[in-house]
Amino acid sequence: MENLRGAIRRFVSERDWEQFHSPKNLAMALSVEVSEIAEHFQWLTQEQSRNLPPEKLKAVAQEIGDAMIYLVELSWT
C-alpha cells in the first residue's frame, strides 16, 4: 500500500493537484468516477457485462484507475 500511495503522490504532485484534494472534493470526484464506471455497464445483460470487448474493458480499467486514485487520496486526507 505504501508503494501505491507513493506512486499516486508523485502522480498528483506532477500535475499540481494537491490544491484540489480536500476530503470534500475527493469524495465528490470519487462519486463521479464511480458513476462513469457504472455507465459502461448500463443496459448490458449480466453476460454482456462479464464479456466486455477489449476497447470497453480498457475504458473501464481507466475509470477504475481514476477512482482508485481518488479513493487512496481520500483515505490519507
Protein backbone atom coordinates (compact mmCIF):
# COMPACT_ATOMS: atom_id res chain seq x y z
CA MET A 1 0.00 0.00 0.00
CA GLU A 2 2.86 2.35 0.77
CA ASN A 3 4.27 1.84 -2.75
CA LEU A 4 0.89 2.57 -4.31
CA ARG A 5 0.47 5.62 -2.11
CA GLY A 6 3.92 6.90 -3.12
CA ALA A 7 3.22 6.42 -6.82
CA ILE A 8 -0.10 8.25 -6.52
CA ARG A 9 1.51 11.10 -4.54
CA ARG A 10 4.10 11.54 -7.32
CA PHE A 11 1.37 11.40 -10.00
CA VAL A 12 -0.70 14.04 -8.15
CA SER A 13 2.33 16.23 -7.42
CA GLU A 14 3.47 16.23 -11.07
CA ARG A 15 0.05 17.64 -12.03
CA ASP A 16 -0.13 20.12 -9.10
CA TRP A 17 -3.44 18.63 -7.97
CA GLU A 18 -2.78 18.77 -4.22
CA GLN A 19 -4.53 22.14 -4.04
CA PHE A 20 -7.80 20.47 -5.07
CA HIS A 21 -7.61 17.33 -2.94
CA SER A 22 -9.67 18.24 0.09
CA PRO A 23 -11.84 15.47 1.56
CA LYS A 24 -14.96 17.12 0.12
CA ASN A 25 -13.52 17.42 -3.39
CA LEU A 26 -12.10 13.91 -3.35
CA ALA A 27 -15.42 12.41 -2.22
CA MET A 28 -17.25 14.29 -4.96
CA ALA A 29 -14.72 13.28 -7.62
CA LEU A 30 -14.87 9.66 -6.48
CA SER A 31 -18.64 9.70 -6.84
CA VAL A 32 -18.35 10.98 -10.41
CA GLU A 33 -15.75 8.35 -11.34
CA VAL A 34 -17.83 5.50 -9.91
CA SER A 35 -20.78 6.78 -11.95
CA GLU A 36 -18.58 6.70 -15.05
CA ILE A 37 -17.73 3.06 -14.32
CA ALA A 38 -21.42 2.22 -13.91
CA GLU A 39 -22.25 3.97 -17.17
CA HIS A 40 -20.20 1.41 -19.11
CA PHE A 41 -22.42 -1.37 -17.76
CA GLN A 42 -25.75 0.40 -18.06
CA TRP A 43 -28.29 -1.62 -20.07
CA LEU A 44 -26.00 -4.63 -20.52
CA THR A 45 -27.10 -8.10 -19.58
CA GLN A 46 -25.14 -9.87 -16.89
CA GLU A 47 -23.48 -11.99 -19.56
CA GLN A 48 -22.52 -8.93 -21.62
CA SER A 49 -21.11 -7.23 -18.53
CA ARG A 50 -18.84 -10.23 -17.96
CA ASN A 51 -17.60 -10.27 -21.55
CA LEU A 52 -16.77 -6.69 -22.45
CA PRO A 53 -15.00 -6.10 -25.75
CA PRO A 54 -11.32 -5.12 -25.35
CA GLU A 55 -11.85 -1.40 -26.05
CA LYS A 56 -14.66 -1.14 -23.47
CA LEU A 57 -12.66 -3.17 -20.96
CA LYS A 58 -9.76 -0.74 -21.39
CA ALA A 59 -12.08 2.23 -20.83
CA VAL A 60 -13.50 0.63 -17.67
CA ALA A 61 -9.98 -0.07 -16.41
CA GLN A 62 -9.06 3.59 -16.89
CA GLU A 63 -12.12 4.72 -14.94
CA ILE A 64 -11.27 2.25 -12.17
CA GLY A 65 -7.77 3.74 -12.07
CA ASP A 66 -9.21 7.23 -11.68
CA ALA A 67 -11.48 6.03 -8.87
CA MET A 68 -8.56 4.28 -7.21
CA ILE A 69 -6.51 7.47 -7.20
CA TYR A 70 -9.30 9.42 -5.51
CA LEU A 71 -10.03 6.62 -3.06
CA VAL A 72 -6.39 6.31 -1.98
CA GLU A 73 -6.04 10.08 -1.72
CA LEU A 74 -9.24 10.28 0.35
CA SER A 75 -8.04 7.53 2.67
CA TRP A 76 -4.94 9.59 3.51
CA THR A 77 -6.54 13.02 4.00
